[in-house]
Amino acid sequence: MTSGRPAPTRTPEPPYTAVIFTSVRVQDDSPDYSTTAARMETLAAEQPGYLGIESARGAAGLGITVSYWTDAASARAWKQVAEHRLAQQRGREQWYETYRVRVATVEREYGPR
């Protein structure tokens, strides 16, 4: 792929864990949201077992973020990081109309390398 262009996260051979966060944002243009989201990406990348993240949001407010972890224990540990817990609370109180979190084990992956 061309440098600077988005690309799928490179992950190891399965199995590994995917945490899928699907959300609908409230009508709020607060700069705090994007600052917090960027901080959470940086903080997640510092955690043991972190493999990468992919995120997209449509114009109507529906967003999907998938974080990848070496195993379920690493994903659970990330959920418990104090700064992440505070961001989750703000999300519930301020930024999200609704959301779902799904945790899955990736068993198979394919595509060009």
N, C-alpha and C. Protein backbone atom coordinates (compact mmCIF):
# COMPACT_ATOMS: atom_id res chain seq x y z
N MET A 1 0.84 -1.18 0.00
CA MET A 1 0.00 0.00 0.00
C MET A 1 0.88 1.24 0.00
N THR A 2 0.31 2.34 -0.46
CA THR A 2 1.03 3.59 -0.52
C THR A 2 1.20 4.16 0.88
N SER A 3 2.37 4.69 1.17
CA SER A 3 2.65 5.26 2.48
C SER A 3 1.67 6.39 2.80
N GLY A 4 1.24 6.45 4.06
CA GLY A 4 0.32 7.49 4.48
C GLY A 4 -1.15 7.15 4.29
N ARG A 5 -1.43 6.10 3.58
CA ARG A 5 -2.82 5.68 3.35
C ARG A 5 -3.24 4.71 4.43
N PRO A 6 -4.53 4.69 4.77
CA PRO A 6 -4.99 3.71 5.77
C PRO A 6 -4.74 2.28 5.28
N ALA A 7 -4.49 1.41 6.23
CA ALA A 7 -4.28 0.00 5.91
C ALA A 7 -4.81 -0.83 7.06
N PRO A 8 -5.26 -2.04 6.78
CA PRO A 8 -5.69 -2.91 7.88
C PRO A 8 -4.54 -3.18 8.85
N THR A 9 -4.90 -3.36 10.09
CA THR A 9 -3.91 -3.70 11.12
C THR A 9 -3.26 -5.03 10.79
N ARG A 10 -1.95 -5.10 10.90
CA ARG A 10 -1.24 -6.36 10.71
C ARG A 10 -1.35 -7.14 12.02
N THR A 11 -1.83 -8.33 11.92
CA THR A 11 -2.04 -9.17 13.09
C THR A 11 -1.28 -10.49 12.90
N PRO A 12 -1.00 -11.17 14.01
CA PRO A 12 -0.31 -12.46 13.90
C PRO A 12 -1.25 -13.54 13.41
N GLU A 13 -0.72 -14.72 13.21
CA GLU A 13 -1.57 -15.85 12.88
C GLU A 13 -2.58 -16.06 14.01
N PRO A 14 -3.85 -16.32 13.68
CA PRO A 14 -4.85 -16.59 14.71
C PRO A 14 -4.47 -17.84 15.51
N PRO A 15 -5.01 -17.97 16.70
CA PRO A 15 -6.06 -17.15 17.27
C PRO A 15 -5.53 -15.91 17.99
N TYR A 16 -6.36 -14.88 18.03
CA TYR A 16 -6.15 -13.68 18.83
C TYR A 16 -7.53 -13.11 19.12
N THR A 17 -7.60 -12.08 19.95
CA THR A 17 -8.87 -11.55 20.41
C THR A 17 -9.17 -10.22 19.74
N ALA A 18 -10.42 -10.03 19.36
CA ALA A 18 -10.89 -8.76 18.82
C ALA A 18 -11.98 -8.21 19.73
N VAL A 19 -11.86 -6.95 20.11
CA VAL A 19 -12.89 -6.26 20.88
C VAL A 19 -13.55 -5.28 19.92
N ILE A 20 -14.83 -5.49 19.66
CA ILE A 20 -15.57 -4.71 18.68
C ILE A 20 -16.50 -3.76 19.43
N PHE A 21 -16.26 -2.47 19.28
CA PHE A 21 -17.04 -1.44 19.95
C PHE A 21 -17.86 -0.71 18.89
N THR A 22 -19.17 -0.90 18.92
CA THR A 22 -20.07 -0.25 17.97
C THR A 22 -20.85 0.79 18.75
N SER A 23 -20.89 2.02 18.24
CA SER A 23 -21.54 3.10 18.99
C SER A 23 -22.28 4.06 18.08
N VAL A 24 -23.21 4.77 18.69
CA VAL A 24 -23.90 5.88 18.04
C VAL A 24 -23.63 7.10 18.90
N ARG A 25 -23.01 8.10 18.31
CA ARG A 25 -22.68 9.34 19.02
C ARG A 25 -23.91 10.21 19.19
N VAL A 26 -23.94 10.95 20.28
CA VAL A 26 -24.95 12.00 20.45
C VAL A 26 -24.49 13.18 19.60
N GLN A 27 -25.36 14.13 19.39
CA GLN A 27 -25.01 15.33 18.63
C GLN A 27 -24.17 16.24 19.53
N ASP A 28 -22.86 16.04 19.51
CA ASP A 28 -21.95 16.78 20.38
C ASP A 28 -20.65 16.95 19.63
N ASP A 29 -20.28 18.19 19.36
CA ASP A 29 -19.05 18.46 18.63
C ASP A 29 -17.89 18.80 19.57
N SER A 30 -17.98 18.35 20.80
CA SER A 30 -16.96 18.65 21.80
C SER A 30 -15.58 18.17 21.34
N PRO A 31 -14.60 19.06 21.40
CA PRO A 31 -13.23 18.64 21.05
C PRO A 31 -12.68 17.63 22.06
N ASP A 32 -13.29 17.56 23.24
CA ASP A 32 -12.86 16.58 24.25
C ASP A 32 -12.96 15.16 23.72
N TYR A 33 -13.96 14.90 22.88
CA TYR A 33 -14.15 13.53 22.39
C TYR A 33 -12.95 13.09 21.55
N SER A 34 -12.57 13.89 20.57
CA SER A 34 -11.47 13.48 19.69
C SER A 34 -10.15 13.45 20.45
N THR A 35 -9.95 14.35 21.39
CA THR A 35 -8.75 14.34 22.21
C THR A 35 -8.69 13.07 23.05
N THR A 36 -9.81 12.71 23.66
CA THR A 36 -9.87 11.50 24.49
C THR A 36 -9.68 10.26 23.64
N ALA A 37 -10.31 10.21 22.47
CA ALA A 37 -10.17 9.05 21.59
C ALA A 37 -8.71 8.85 21.18
N ALA A 38 -8.04 9.94 20.84
CA ALA A 38 -6.63 9.85 20.46
C ALA A 38 -5.78 9.38 21.64
N ARG A 39 -6.08 9.89 22.82
CA ARG A 39 -5.34 9.47 24.02
C ARG A 39 -5.55 7.98 24.30
N MET A 40 -6.78 7.49 24.11
CA MET A 40 -7.05 6.08 24.36
C MET A 40 -6.30 5.20 23.37
N GLU A 41 -6.17 5.63 22.12
CA GLU A 41 -5.39 4.86 21.14
C GLU A 41 -3.93 4.78 21.58
N THR A 42 -3.38 5.90 22.03
CA THR A 42 -2.00 5.93 22.49
C THR A 42 -1.81 5.05 23.72
N LEU A 43 -2.72 5.18 24.68
CA LEU A 43 -2.63 4.41 25.91
C LEU A 43 -2.79 2.91 25.65
N ALA A 44 -3.73 2.55 24.78
CA ALA A 44 -3.93 1.13 24.46
C ALA A 44 -2.66 0.54 23.86
N ALA A 45 -2.01 1.30 22.99
CA ALA A 45 -0.79 0.81 22.33
C ALA A 45 0.34 0.54 23.32
N GLU A 46 0.27 1.10 24.51
CA GLU A 46 1.28 0.88 25.54
C GLU A 46 1.00 -0.36 26.39
N GLN A 47 -0.17 -0.97 26.21
CA GLN A 47 -0.57 -2.10 27.05
C GLN A 47 -0.01 -3.43 26.53
N PRO A 48 0.35 -4.32 27.46
CA PRO A 48 0.80 -5.65 27.05
C PRO A 48 -0.29 -6.37 26.25
N GLY A 49 0.10 -7.00 25.17
CA GLY A 49 -0.83 -7.78 24.37
C GLY A 49 -1.54 -7.01 23.27
N TYR A 50 -1.33 -5.70 23.20
CA TYR A 50 -1.99 -4.88 22.17
C TYR A 50 -1.41 -5.19 20.80
N LEU A 51 -2.29 -5.37 19.81
CA LEU A 51 -1.85 -5.66 18.44
C LEU A 51 -2.16 -4.53 17.47
N GLY A 52 -3.23 -3.78 17.70
CA GLY A 52 -3.59 -2.70 16.79
C GLY A 52 -5.05 -2.32 16.93
N ILE A 53 -5.45 -1.33 16.12
CA ILE A 53 -6.81 -0.82 16.17
C ILE A 53 -7.24 -0.35 14.79
N GLU A 54 -8.52 -0.50 14.50
CA GLU A 54 -9.13 0.02 13.27
C GLU A 54 -10.43 0.70 13.67
N SER A 55 -10.71 1.84 13.06
CA SER A 55 -11.90 2.59 13.46
C SER A 55 -12.49 3.34 12.27
N ALA A 56 -13.81 3.40 12.24
CA ALA A 56 -14.51 4.16 11.19
C ALA A 56 -15.82 4.69 11.77
N ARG A 57 -16.23 5.86 11.31
CA ARG A 57 -17.50 6.44 11.74
C ARG A 57 -18.18 7.06 10.52
N GLY A 58 -19.46 6.74 10.36
CA GLY A 58 -20.24 7.28 9.26
C GLY A 58 -20.83 8.64 9.61
N ALA A 59 -21.30 9.33 8.60
CA ALA A 59 -21.85 10.67 8.77
C ALA A 59 -23.06 10.69 9.70
N ALA A 60 -23.80 9.60 9.77
CA ALA A 60 -24.99 9.54 10.62
C ALA A 60 -24.64 9.27 12.08
N GLY A 61 -23.35 9.06 12.39
CA GLY A 61 -22.94 8.89 13.77
C GLY A 61 -22.61 7.47 14.21
N LEU A 62 -22.92 6.48 13.39
CA LEU A 62 -22.60 5.10 13.75
C LEU A 62 -21.10 4.87 13.55
N GLY A 63 -20.46 4.34 14.59
CA GLY A 63 -19.03 4.07 14.51
C GLY A 63 -18.71 2.66 14.94
N ILE A 64 -17.65 2.13 14.40
CA ILE A 64 -17.16 0.81 14.79
C ILE A 64 -15.65 0.93 14.98
N THR A 65 -15.21 0.51 16.16
CA THR A 65 -13.79 0.45 16.47
C THR A 65 -13.48 -0.97 16.89
N VAL A 66 -12.45 -1.54 16.28
CA VAL A 66 -12.03 -2.90 16.62
C VAL A 66 -10.59 -2.81 17.12
N SER A 67 -10.39 -3.27 18.36
CA SER A 67 -9.02 -3.37 18.87
C SER A 67 -8.65 -4.84 18.91
N TYR A 68 -7.38 -5.11 18.63
CA TYR A 68 -6.89 -6.48 18.55
C TYR A 68 -5.88 -6.73 19.67
N TRP A 69 -6.00 -7.91 20.28
CA TRP A 69 -5.19 -8.27 21.44
C TRP A 69 -4.68 -9.70 21.28
N THR A 70 -3.54 -9.98 21.87
CA THR A 70 -2.98 -11.32 21.75
C THR A 70 -3.90 -12.37 22.35
N ASP A 71 -4.64 -12.00 23.39
CA ASP A 71 -5.54 -12.96 24.05
C ASP A 71 -6.60 -12.21 24.85
N ALA A 72 -7.58 -12.95 25.34
CA ALA A 72 -8.69 -12.36 26.08
C ALA A 72 -8.22 -11.71 27.38
N ALA A 73 -7.22 -12.28 28.02
CA ALA A 73 -6.72 -11.71 29.28
C ALA A 73 -6.15 -10.31 29.04
N SER A 74 -5.46 -10.10 27.93
CA SER A 74 -4.91 -8.77 27.61
C SER A 74 -6.04 -7.77 27.37
N ALA A 75 -7.08 -8.20 26.67
CA ALA A 75 -8.23 -7.33 26.41
C ALA A 75 -8.93 -6.97 27.72
N ARG A 76 -9.09 -7.94 28.62
CA ARG A 76 -9.71 -7.68 29.93
C ARG A 76 -8.86 -6.71 30.75
N ALA A 77 -7.56 -6.86 30.70
CA ALA A 77 -6.66 -5.97 31.44
C ALA A 77 -6.80 -4.54 30.94
N TRP A 78 -6.92 -4.34 29.63
CA TRP A 78 -7.11 -3.01 29.05
C TRP A 78 -8.39 -2.39 29.57
N LYS A 79 -9.45 -3.17 29.67
CA LYS A 79 -10.73 -2.66 30.17
C LYS A 79 -10.59 -2.09 31.58
N GLN A 80 -9.64 -2.59 32.35
CA GLN A 80 -9.47 -2.18 33.75
C GLN A 80 -8.49 -1.03 33.96
N VAL A 81 -7.81 -0.56 32.93
CA VAL A 81 -6.86 0.56 33.08
C VAL A 81 -7.64 1.79 33.54
N ALA A 82 -7.18 2.43 34.62
CA ALA A 82 -7.94 3.51 35.27
C ALA A 82 -8.32 4.63 34.31
N GLU A 83 -7.39 5.10 33.51
CA GLU A 83 -7.69 6.21 32.58
C GLU A 83 -8.72 5.77 31.53
N HIS A 84 -8.63 4.52 31.12
CA HIS A 84 -9.61 3.98 30.16
C HIS A 84 -10.99 3.90 30.81
N ARG A 85 -11.04 3.48 32.06
CA ARG A 85 -12.32 3.40 32.78
C ARG A 85 -12.99 4.77 32.88
N LEU A 86 -12.19 5.81 33.12
CA LEU A 86 -12.75 7.17 33.16
C LEU A 86 -13.30 7.59 31.80
N ALA A 87 -12.59 7.24 30.74
CA ALA A 87 -13.07 7.56 29.39
C ALA A 87 -14.37 6.80 29.09
N GLN A 88 -14.45 5.54 29.53
CA GLN A 88 -15.68 4.77 29.34
C GLN A 88 -16.86 5.45 30.04
N GLN A 89 -16.62 5.92 31.25
CA GLN A 89 -17.68 6.59 32.01
C GLN A 89 -18.14 7.86 31.29
N ARG A 90 -17.20 8.66 30.81
CA ARG A 90 -17.56 9.87 30.05
C ARG A 90 -18.34 9.51 28.80
N GLY A 91 -17.94 8.43 28.16
CA GLY A 91 -18.66 8.00 26.97
C GLY A 91 -20.11 7.69 27.27
N ARG A 92 -20.34 6.95 28.34
CA ARG A 92 -21.71 6.60 28.73
C ARG A 92 -22.52 7.84 29.10
N GLU A 93 -21.87 8.78 29.78
CA GLU A 93 -22.57 9.97 30.28
C GLU A 93 -22.73 11.08 29.25
N GLN A 94 -21.78 11.22 28.31
CA GLN A 94 -21.76 12.38 27.43
C GLN A 94 -21.80 12.09 25.93
N TRP A 95 -21.09 11.08 25.48
CA TRP A 95 -20.80 10.99 24.06
C TRP A 95 -21.62 9.97 23.28
N TYR A 96 -22.15 8.95 23.95
CA TYR A 96 -22.82 7.89 23.20
C TYR A 96 -24.30 7.82 23.52
N GLU A 97 -25.08 7.78 22.46
CA GLU A 97 -26.51 7.55 22.60
C GLU A 97 -26.75 6.08 22.97
N THR A 98 -25.99 5.21 22.31
CA THR A 98 -26.04 3.78 22.61
C THR A 98 -24.74 3.15 22.13
N TYR A 99 -24.45 1.95 22.63
CA TYR A 99 -23.24 1.24 22.21
C TYR A 99 -23.38 -0.24 22.53
N ARG A 100 -22.54 -1.03 21.90
CA ARG A 100 -22.41 -2.47 22.18
C ARG A 100 -20.93 -2.80 22.14
N VAL A 101 -20.52 -3.68 23.03
CA VAL A 101 -19.15 -4.20 23.03
C VAL A 101 -19.26 -5.70 22.80
N ARG A 102 -18.50 -6.17 21.85
CA ARG A 102 -18.47 -7.60 21.56
C ARG A 102 -17.01 -8.05 21.59
N VAL A 103 -16.77 -9.17 22.24
CA VAL A 103 -15.41 -9.72 22.33
C VAL A 103 -15.43 -11.06 21.61
N ALA A 104 -14.51 -11.22 20.67
CA ALA A 104 -14.50 -12.42 19.84
C ALA A 104 -13.09 -12.97 19.70
N THR A 105 -13.02 -14.26 19.48
CA THR A 105 -11.76 -14.90 19.15
C THR A 105 -11.69 -15.04 17.64
N VAL A 106 -10.65 -14.48 17.06
CA VAL A 106 -10.45 -14.59 15.62
C VAL A 106 -9.83 -15.95 15.36
N GLU A 107 -10.51 -16.75 14.57
CA GLU A 107 -10.05 -18.10 14.26
C GLU A 107 -9.37 -18.20 12.90
N ARG A 108 -9.75 -17.28 12.00
CA ARG A 108 -9.24 -17.36 10.64
C ARG A 108 -9.13 -15.94 10.11
N GLU A 109 -8.13 -15.73 9.27
CA GLU A 109 -7.91 -14.43 8.65
C GLU A 109 -7.29 -14.66 7.28
N TYR A 110 -7.67 -13.86 6.31
CA TYR A 110 -7.04 -13.99 5.00
C TYR A 110 -7.11 -12.68 4.25
N GLY A 111 -6.34 -12.56 3.24
CA GLY A 111 -6.23 -11.37 2.41
C GLY A 111 -4.78 -11.21 1.99
N PRO A 112 -4.51 -10.29 1.11
CA PRO A 112 -3.12 -10.10 0.67
C PRO A 112 -2.26 -9.59 1.82
N ARG A 113 -1.05 -10.04 1.87
CA ARG A 113 -0.12 -9.61 2.93
C ARG A 113 0.80 -8.60 2.41
